[in-house]
PDB file of N, CA and C in Angstrom:
ATOM      1  N   MET A   1      90.827 107.757  94.862  1.00  0.00           N
ATOM      2  CA  MET A   1      90.271 108.033  96.173  1.00  0.00           C
ATOM      3  C   MET A   1      91.421 108.180  97.171  1.00  0.00           C
ATOM      4  N   THR A   2      91.337 109.174  98.015  1.00  0.00           N
ATOM      5  CA  THR A   2      92.375 109.436  99.002  1.00  0.00           C
ATOM      6  C   THR A   2      92.186 108.544 100.222  1.00  0.00           C
ATOM      7  N   ASP A   3      93.274 108.003 100.700  1.00  0.00           N
ATOM      8  CA  ASP A   3      93.241 107.156 101.890  1.00  0.00           C
ATOM      9  C   ASP A   3      92.901 108.042 103.092  1.00  0.00           C
ATOM     10  N   PRO A   4      91.819 107.744 103.820  1.00  0.00           N
ATOM     11  CA  PRO A   4      91.424 108.597 104.947  1.00  0.00           C
ATOM     12  C   PRO A   4      92.415 108.572 106.102  1.00  0.00           C
ATOM     13  N   ARG A   5      93.308 107.560 106.135  1.00  0.00           N
ATOM     14  CA  ARG A   5      94.291 107.486 107.211  1.00  0.00           C
ATOM     15  C   ARG A   5      95.446 108.450 106.990  1.00  0.00           C
ATOM     16  N   ILE A   6      95.590 108.966 105.770  1.00  0.00           N
ATOM     17  CA  ILE A   6      96.672 109.912 105.483  1.00  0.00           C
ATOM     18  C   ILE A   6      96.052 111.283 105.282  1.00  0.00           C
ATOM     19  N   GLN A   7      96.315 112.160 106.211  1.00  0.00           N
ATOM     20  CA  GLN A   7      95.767 113.508 106.147  1.00  0.00           C
ATOM     21  C   GLN A   7      96.507 114.307 105.085  1.00  0.00           C
ATOM     22  N   PRO A   8      95.813 115.251 104.416  1.00  0.00           N
ATOM     23  CA  PRO A   8      96.454 116.012 103.338  1.00  0.00           C
ATOM     24  C   PRO A   8      97.766 116.689 103.751  1.00  0.00           C
ATOM     25  N   ASP A   9      97.855 117.189 104.971  1.00  0.00           N
ATOM     26  CA  ASP A   9      99.069 117.881 105.387  1.00  0.00           C
ATOM     27  C   ASP A   9     100.220 116.911 105.659  1.00  0.00           C
ATOM     28  N   LEU A  10      99.952 115.593 105.608  1.00  0.00           N
ATOM     29  CA  LEU A  10     100.999 114.611 105.835  1.00  0.00           C
ATOM     30  C   LEU A  10     101.596 114.088 104.527  1.00  0.00           C
ATOM     31  N   HIS A  11     101.087 114.535 103.382  1.00  0.00           N
ATOM     32  CA  HIS A  11     101.645 114.102 102.104  1.00  0.00           C
ATOM     33  C   HIS A  11     103.045 114.660 101.964  1.00  0.00           C
ATOM     34  N   ARG A  12     103.938 113.860 101.432  1.00  0.00           N
ATOM     35  CA  ARG A  12     105.338 114.228 101.310  1.00  0.00           C
ATOM     36  C   ARG A  12     105.751 114.251  99.848  1.00  0.00           C
ATOM     37  N   GLU A  13     106.912 114.811  99.615  1.00  0.00           N
ATOM     38  CA  GLU A  13     107.491 114.806  98.281  1.00  0.00           C
ATOM     39  C   GLU A  13     108.052 113.413  97.991  1.00  0.00           C
ATOM     40  N   PHE A  14     107.898 112.976  96.773  1.00  0.00           N
ATOM     41  CA  PHE A  14     108.437 111.691  96.351  1.00  0.00           C
ATOM     42  C   PHE A  14     109.484 111.931  95.284  1.00  0.00           C
ATOM     43  N   PRO A  15     110.510 111.093  95.210  1.00  0.00           N
ATOM     44  CA  PRO A  15     110.716 109.856  95.949  1.00  0.00           C
ATOM     45  C   PRO A  15     110.962 110.114  97.435  1.00  0.00           C
ATOM     46  N   LEU A  16     110.573 109.139  98.242  1.00  0.00           N
ATOM     47  CA  LEU A  16     110.656 109.241  99.692  1.00  0.00           C
ATOM     48  C   LEU A  16     111.367 108.008 100.241  1.00  0.00           C
ATOM     49  N   ARG A  17     112.415 108.240 101.006  1.00  0.00           N
ATOM     50  CA  ARG A  17     113.142 107.138 101.656  1.00  0.00           C
ATOM     51  C   ARG A  17     112.697 107.102 103.113  1.00  0.00           C
ATOM     52  N   CYS A  18     112.357 105.909 103.592  1.00  0.00           N
ATOM     53  CA  CYS A  18     111.927 105.767 104.977  1.00  0.00           C
ATOM     54  C   CYS A  18     112.252 104.369 105.485  1.00  0.00           C
ATOM     55  N   VAL A  19     112.065 104.179 106.767  1.00  0.00           N
ATOM     56  CA  VAL A  19     112.241 102.868 107.379  1.00  0.00           C
ATOM     57  C   VAL A  19     110.867 102.377 107.809  1.00  0.00           C
ATOM     58  N   ILE A  20     110.496 101.232 107.285  1.00  0.00           N
ATOM     59  CA  ILE A  20     109.239 100.598 107.669  1.00  0.00           C
ATOM     60  C   ILE A  20     109.552  99.630 108.798  1.00  0.00           C
ATOM     61  N   LYS A  21     108.728  99.642 109.818  1.00  0.00           N
ATOM     62  CA  LYS A  21     108.868  98.701 110.922  1.00  0.00           C
ATOM     63  C   LYS A  21     107.734  97.698 110.815  1.00  0.00           C
ATOM     64  N   VAL A  22     108.102  96.420 110.818  1.00  0.00           N
ATOM     65  CA  VAL A  22     107.127  95.331 110.761  1.00  0.00           C
ATOM     66  C   VAL A  22     107.164  94.618 112.108  1.00  0.00           C
ATOM     67  N   ILE A  23     106.004  94.446 112.706  1.00  0.00           N
ATOM     68  CA  ILE A  23     105.880  93.682 113.945  1.00  0.00           C
ATOM     69  C   ILE A  23     105.138  92.398 113.591  1.00  0.00           C
ATOM     70  N   ALA A  24     105.763  91.269 113.933  1.00  0.00           N
ATOM     71  CA  ALA A  24     105.210  89.989 113.500  1.00  0.00           C
ATOM     72  C   ALA A  24     105.416  88.918 114.558  1.00  0.00           C
ATOM     73  N   LEU A  25     104.654  87.845 114.406  1.00  0.00           N
ATOM     74  CA  LEU A  25     104.893  86.666 115.230  1.00  0.00           C
ATOM     75  C   LEU A  25     106.283  86.136 114.892  1.00  0.00           C
ATOM     76  N   ASP A  26     106.985  85.624 115.880  1.00  0.00           N
ATOM     77  CA  ASP A  26     108.329  85.086 115.653  1.00  0.00           C
ATOM     78  C   ASP A  26     108.197  83.667 115.102  1.00  0.00           C
ATOM     79  N   LEU A  27     107.986  83.578 113.795  1.00  0.00           N
ATOM     80  CA  LEU A  27     107.768  82.295 113.120  1.00  0.00           C
ATOM     81  C   LEU A  27     108.974  81.941 112.258  1.00  0.00           C
ATOM     82  N   ASP A  28     109.250  80.640 112.134  1.00  0.00           N
ATOM     83  CA  ASP A  28     110.312  80.183 111.242  1.00  0.00           C
ATOM     84  C   ASP A  28     109.986  80.611 109.810  1.00  0.00           C
ATOM     85  N   GLY A  29     110.971  81.140 109.128  1.00  0.00           N
ATOM     86  CA  GLY A  29     110.804  81.493 107.727  1.00  0.00           C
ATOM     87  C   GLY A  29     110.179  82.846 107.466  1.00  0.00           C
ATOM     88  N   LEU A  30     109.843  83.594 108.511  1.00  0.00           N
ATOM     89  CA  LEU A  30     109.172  84.880 108.291  1.00  0.00           C
ATOM     90  C   LEU A  30     110.074  85.872 107.564  1.00  0.00           C
ATOM     91  N   GLN A  31     111.339  85.951 107.951  1.00  0.00           N
ATOM     92  CA  GLN A  31     112.244  86.876 107.285  1.00  0.00           C
ATOM     93  C   GLN A  31     112.349  86.534 105.792  1.00  0.00           C
ATOM     94  N   GLN A  32     112.373  85.264 105.468  1.00  0.00           N
ATOM     95  CA  GLN A  32     112.423  84.841 104.069  1.00  0.00           C
ATOM     96  C   GLN A  32     111.151  85.237 103.338  1.00  0.00           C
ATOM     97  N   ARG A  33     109.997  85.089 103.972  1.00  0.00           N
ATOM     98  CA  ARG A  33     108.733  85.482 103.337  1.00  0.00           C
ATOM     99  C   ARG A  33     108.685  86.986 103.098  1.00  0.00           C
ATOM    100  N   LEU A  34     109.207  87.777 104.051  1.00  0.00           N
ATOM    101  CA  LEU A  34     109.276  89.224 103.847  1.00  0.00           C
ATOM    102  C   LEU A  34     110.195  89.547 102.673  1.00  0.00           C
ATOM    103  N   HIS A  35     111.343  88.869 102.611  1.00  0.00           N
ATOM    104  CA  HIS A  35     112.284  89.077 101.515  1.00  0.00           C
ATOM    105  C   HIS A  35     111.630  88.738 100.170  1.00  0.00           C
ATOM    106  N   GLU A  36     110.929  87.613 100.105  1.00  0.00           N
ATOM    107  CA  GLU A  36     110.257  87.213  98.867  1.00  0.00           C
ATOM    108  C   GLU A  36     109.207  88.236  98.448  1.00  0.00           C
ATOM    109  N   CYS A  37     108.501  88.799  99.408  1.00  0.00           N
ATOM    110  CA  CYS A  37     107.510  89.840  99.119  1.00  0.00           C
ATOM    111  C   CYS A  37     108.197  91.057  98.509  1.00  0.00           C
ATOM    112  N   LEU A  38     109.315  91.479  99.083  1.00  0.00           N
ATOM    113  CA  LEU A  38     110.038  92.646  98.563  1.00  0.00           C
ATOM    114  C   LEU A  38     110.602  92.374  97.173  1.00  0.00           C
ATOM    115  N   VAL A  39     111.099  91.164  96.939  1.00  0.00           N
ATOM    116  CA  VAL A  39     111.615  90.805  95.614  1.00  0.00           C
ATOM    117  C   VAL A  39     110.483  90.836  94.591  1.00  0.00           C
ATOM    118  N   ARG A  40     109.339  90.267  94.954  1.00  0.00           N
ATOM    119  CA  ARG A  40     108.178  90.254  94.062  1.00  0.00           C
ATOM    120  C   ARG A  40     107.751  91.675  93.687  1.00  0.00           C
ATOM    121  N   LEU A  41     107.922  92.619  94.613  1.00  0.00           N
ATOM    122  CA  LEU A  41     107.563  94.015  94.370  1.00  0.00           C
ATOM    123  C   LEU A  41     108.710  94.805  93.744  1.00  0.00           C
ATOM    124  N   ALA A  42     109.818  94.128  93.460  1.00  0.00           N
ATOM    125  CA  ALA A  42     111.000  94.739  92.826  1.00  0.00           C
ATOM    126  C   ALA A  42     111.647  95.807  93.703  1.00  0.00           C
ATOM    127  N   HIS A  43     111.602  95.619  95.014  1.00  0.00           N
ATOM    128  CA  HIS A  43     112.299  96.510  95.942  1.00  0.00           C
ATOM    129  C   HIS A  43     113.613  95.849  96.341  1.00  0.00           C
ATOM    130  N   PRO A  44     114.726  96.564  96.233  1.00  0.00           N
ATOM    131  CA  PRO A  44     116.015  95.982  96.616  1.00  0.00           C
ATOM    132  C   PRO A  44     116.252  95.976  98.128  1.00  0.00           C
ATOM    133  N   ALA A  45     115.267  96.369  98.903  1.00  0.00           N
ATOM    134  CA  ALA A  45     115.413  96.466 100.363  1.00  0.00           C
ATOM    135  C   ALA A  45     115.455  95.084 101.004  1.00  0.00           C
ATOM    136  N   ARG A  46     116.002  95.050 102.218  1.00  0.00           N
ATOM    137  CA  ARG A  46     116.053  93.807 103.007  1.00  0.00           C
ATOM    138  C   ARG A  46     115.352  94.035 104.335  1.00  0.00           C
ATOM    139  N   ALA A  47     114.716  92.984 104.846  1.00  0.00           N
ATOM    140  CA  ALA A  47     114.075  93.027 106.155  1.00  0.00           C
ATOM    141  C   ALA A  47     115.090  92.574 107.192  1.00  0.00           C
ATOM    142  N   LEU A  48     115.567  93.507 108.009  1.00  0.00           N
ATOM    143  CA  LEU A  48     116.569  93.193 109.022  1.00  0.00           C
ATOM    144  C   LEU A  48     115.900  92.995 110.375  1.00  0.00           C
ATOM    145  N   PRO A  49     116.192  91.879 111.059  1.00  0.00           N
ATOM    146  CA  PRO A  49     115.544  91.622 112.349  1.00  0.00           C
ATOM    147  C   PRO A  49     115.957  92.650 113.389  1.00  0.00           C
ATOM    148  N   GLY A  50     114.998  92.984 114.239  1.00  0.00           N
ATOM    149  CA  GLY A  50     115.239  93.929 115.326  1.00  0.00           C
ATOM    150  C   GLY A  50     115.065  93.248 116.666  1.00  0.00           C
ATOM    151  N   ASN A  51     114.222  93.817 117.489  1.00  0.00           N
ATOM    152  CA  ASN A  51     114.021  93.326 118.856  1.00  0.00           C
ATOM    153  C   ASN A  51     112.935  92.263 118.949  1.00  0.00           C
ATOM    154  N   HIS A  52     113.065  91.424 119.978  1.00  0.00           N
ATOM    155  CA  HIS A  52     112.018  90.475 120.339  1.00  0.00           C
ATOM    156  C   HIS A  52     111.198  91.077 121.482  1.00  0.00           C
ATOM    157  N   SER A  53     109.945  90.679 121.561  1.00  0.00           N
ATOM    158  CA  SER A  53     109.119  91.111 122.691  1.00  0.00           C
ATOM    159  C   SER A  53     109.622  90.433 123.954  1.00  0.00           C
ATOM    160  N   SER A  54     109.202  90.933 125.096  1.00  0.00           N
ATOM    161  CA  SER A  54     109.665  90.362 126.365  1.00  0.00           C
ATOM    162  C   SER A  54     109.228  88.908 126.531  1.00  0.00           C
ATOM    163  N   THR A  55     108.126  88.531 125.892  1.00  0.00           N
ATOM    164  CA  THR A  55     107.658  87.143 125.971  1.00  0.00           C
ATOM    165  C   THR A  55     108.275  86.260 124.885  1.00  0.00           C
ATOM    166  N   GLY A  56     108.920  86.893 123.896  1.00  0.00           N
ATOM    167  CA  GLY A  56     109.512  86.141 122.807  1.00  0.00           C
ATOM    168  C   GLY A  56     108.520  85.744 121.726  1.00  0.00           C
ATOM    169  N   LYS A  57     107.286  86.200 121.842  1.00  0.00           N
ATOM    170  CA  LYS A  57     106.253  85.834 120.875  1.00  0.00           C
ATOM    171  C   LYS A  57     106.367  86.659 119.591  1.00  0.00           C
ATOM    172  N   TYR A  58     106.820  87.901 119.708  1.00  0.00           N
ATOM    173  CA  TYR A  58     106.878  88.808 118.567  1.00  0.00           C
ATOM    174  C   TYR A  58     108.310  89.252 118.283  1.00  0.00           C
ATOM    175  N   ILE A  59     108.539  89.647 117.042  1.00  0.00           N
ATOM    176  CA  ILE A  59     109.823  90.189 116.621  1.00  0.00           C
ATOM    177  C   ILE A  59     109.555  91.372 115.689  1.00  0.00           C
ATOM    178  N   THR A  60     110.471  92.325 115.688  1.00  0.00           N
ATOM    179  CA  THR A  60     110.352  93.444 114.754  1.00  0.00           C
ATOM    180  C   THR A  60     111.354  93.250 113.622  1.00  0.00           C
ATOM    181  N   TYR A  61     110.998  93.775 112.469  1.00  0.00           N
ATOM    182  CA  TYR A  61     111.896  93.826 111.310  1.00  0.00           C
ATOM    183  C   TYR A  61     111.910  95.268 110.821  1.00  0.00           C
ATOM    184  N   ASN A  62     113.073  95.740 110.418  1.00  0.00           N
ATOM    185  CA  ASN A  62     113.230  97.088 109.878  1.00  0.00           C
ATOM    186  C   ASN A  62     113.570  96.983 108.403  1.00  0.00           C
ATOM    187  N   ILE A  63     112.859  97.764 107.589  1.00  0.00           N
ATOM    188  CA  ILE A  63     113.079  97.750 106.144  1.00  0.00           C
ATOM    189  C   ILE A  63     113.362  99.175 105.699  1.00  0.00           C
ATOM    190  N   ASP A  64     114.585  99.448 105.292  1.00  0.00           N
ATOM    191  CA  ASP A  64     114.983 100.757 104.771  1.00  0.00           C
ATOM    192  C   ASP A  64     114.667 100.736 103.274  1.00  0.00           C
ATOM    193  N   ILE A  65     113.737 101.588 102.855  1.00  0.00           N
ATOM    194  CA  ILE A  65     113.192 101.467 101.495  1.00  0.00           C
ATOM    195  C   ILE A  65     112.912 102.846 100.911  1.00  0.00           C
ATOM    196  N   GLU A  66     112.956 102.926  99.597  1.00  0.00           N
ATOM    197  CA  GLU A  66     112.627 104.175  98.898  1.00  0.00           C
ATOM    198  C   GLU A  66     111.400 103.950  98.026  1.00  0.00           C
ATOM    199  N   PHE A  67     110.453 104.873  98.133  1.00  0.00           N
ATOM    200  CA  PHE A  67     109.229 104.818  97.336  1.00  0.00           C
ATOM    201  C   PHE A  67     109.231 105.952  96.323  1.00  0.00           C
ATOM    202  N   LEU A  68     108.775 105.637  95.114  1.00  0.00           N
ATOM    203  CA  LEU A  68     108.720 106.647  94.068  1.00  0.00           C
ATOM    204  C   LEU A  68     107.399 107.399  94.074  1.00  0.00           C
ATOM    205  N   THR A  69     106.332 106.743  94.553  1.00  0.00           N
ATOM    206  CA  THR A  69     105.008 107.368  94.594  1.00  0.00           C
ATOM    207  C   THR A  69     104.275 106.959  95.866  1.00  0.00           C
ATOM    208  N   LEU A  70     103.273 107.727  96.210  1.00  0.00           N
ATOM    209  CA  LEU A  70     102.430 107.405  97.357  1.00  0.00           C
ATOM    210  C   LEU A  70     101.697 106.092  97.117  1.00  0.00           C
ATOM    211  N   GLU A  71     101.270 105.875  95.884  1.00  0.00           N
ATOM    212  CA  GLU A  71     100.555 104.634  95.556  1.00  0.00           C
ATOM    213  C   GLU A  71     101.447 103.412  95.754  1.00  0.00           C
ATOM    214  N   SER A  72     102.716 103.515  95.346  1.00  0.00           N
ATOM    215  CA  SER A  72     103.614 102.364  95.533  1.00  0.00           C
ATOM    216  C   SER A  72     103.880 102.114  97.016  1.00  0.00           C
ATOM    217  N   MET A  73     103.916 103.180  97.811  1.00  0.00           N
ATOM    218  CA  MET A  73     104.102 103.024  99.254  1.00  0.00           C
ATOM    219  C   MET A  73     102.900 102.303  99.860  1.00  0.00           C
ATOM    220  N   ARG A  74     101.703 102.735  99.519  1.00  0.00           N
ATOM    221  CA  ARG A  74     100.491 102.096 100.039  1.00  0.00           C
ATOM    222  C   ARG A  74     100.413 100.631  99.624  1.00  0.00           C
ATOM    223  N   PHE A  75     100.724 100.356  98.358  1.00  0.00           N
ATOM    224  CA  PHE A  75     100.657  98.992  97.862  1.00  0.00           C
ATOM    225  C   PHE A  75     101.660  98.101  98.580  1.00  0.00           C
ATOM    226  N   THR A  76     102.879  98.585  98.754  1.00  0.00           N
ATOM    227  CA  THR A  76     103.919  97.809  99.436  1.00  0.00           C
ATOM    228  C   THR A  76     103.530  97.521 100.877  1.00  0.00           C
ATOM    229  N   ILE A  77     103.017  98.513 101.578  1.00  0.00           N
ATOM    230  CA  ILE A  77     102.590  98.328 102.966  1.00  0.00           C
ATOM    231  C   ILE A  77     101.475  97.280 103.039  1.00  0.00           C
ATOM    232  N   ASN A  78     100.529  97.348 102.120  1.00  0.00           N
ATOM    233  CA  ASN A  78      99.442  96.364 102.103  1.00  0.00           C
ATOM    234  C   ASN A  78      99.965  94.960 101.824  1.00  0.00           C
ATOM    235  N   GLU A  79     100.913  94.838 100.901  1.00  0.00           N
ATOM    236  CA  GLU A  79     101.485  93.530 100.581  1.00  0.00           C
ATOM    237  C   GLU A  79     102.278  92.968 101.757  1.00  0.00           C
ATOM    238  N   LEU A  80     103.046  93.812 102.439  1.00  0.00           N
ATOM    239  CA  LEU A  80     103.789  93.357 103.614  1.00  0.00           C
ATOM    240  C   LEU A  80     102.834  92.904 104.711  1.00  0.00           C
ATOM    241  N   HIS A  81     101.748  93.636 104.878  1.00  0.00           N
ATOM    242  CA  HIS A  81     100.769  93.282 105.907  1.00  0.00           C
ATOM    243  C   HIS A  81     100.107  91.939 105.612  1.00  0.00           C
ATOM    244  N   ALA A  82     100.057  91.552 104.338  1.00  0.00           N
ATOM    245  CA  ALA A  82      99.420  90.297 103.946  1.00  0.00           C
ATOM    246  C   ALA A  82     100.324  89.078 104.162  1.00  0.00           C
ATOM    247  N   VAL A  83     101.597  89.297 104.475  1.00  0.00           N
ATOM    248  CA  VAL A  83     102.517  88.176 104.707  1.00  0.00           C
ATOM    249  C   VAL A  83     102.094  87.438 105.978  1.00  0.00           C
ATOM    250  N   HIS A  84     102.038  86.114 105.896  1.00  0.00           N
ATOM    251  CA  HIS A  84     101.613  85.302 107.034  1.00  0.00           C
ATOM    252  C   HIS A  84     102.493  85.572 108.261  1.00  0.00           C
ATOM    253  N   GLY A  85     101.863  85.925 109.370  1.00  0.00           N
ATOM    254  CA  GLY A  85     102.575  86.187 110.617  1.00  0.00           C
ATOM    255  C   GLY A  85     102.730  87.653 110.932  1.00  0.00           C
ATOM    256  N   VAL A  86     102.597  88.523 109.926  1.00  0.00           N
ATOM    257  CA  VAL A  86     102.744  89.961 110.157  1.00  0.00           C
ATOM    258  C   VAL A  86     101.494  90.484 110.858  1.00  0.00           C
ATOM    259  N   ARG A  87     101.716  91.253 111.910  1.00  0.00           N
ATOM    260  CA  ARG A  87     100.594  91.828 112.654  1.00  0.00           C
ATOM    261  C   ARG A  87     100.448  93.324 112.424  1.00  0.00           C
ATOM    262  N   VAL A  88     101.559  94.059 112.342  1.00  0.00           N
ATOM    263  CA  VAL A  88     101.503  95.515 112.189  1.00  0.00           C
ATOM    264  C   VAL A  88     102.616  95.950 111.246  1.00  0.00           C
ATOM    265  N   VAL A  89     102.296  96.913 110.379  1.00  0.00           N
ATOM    266  CA  VAL A  89     103.301  97.551 109.516  1.00  0.00           C
ATOM    267  C   VAL A  89     103.224  99.048 109.788  1.00  0.00           C
ATOM    268  N   LEU A  90     104.328  99.607 110.236  1.00  0.00           N
ATOM    269  CA  LEU A  90     104.379 101.044 110.552  1.00  0.00           C
ATOM    270  C   LEU A  90     105.332 101.753 109.618  1.00  0.00           C
TER     271      LEU A  90
END
């Protein structure tokens, strides 16, 4: 079944290298939990901290990653979104 959020004209050639942006609550241990998620998925990528929100409640992480298939990209995004504290995965 095709994901309705991905329009047919937006499908890309794989392998595809991209940067995923994760927006999350600024919680202790979050970067480690993201790293553990990537290790569990056998991705050699690292979650590098980015900017904090003006209130300091949220932080961004950037993950430079390569996907071999659209399915692996969707699965990885879903797994990252399931990490405690993560609010948005772009």
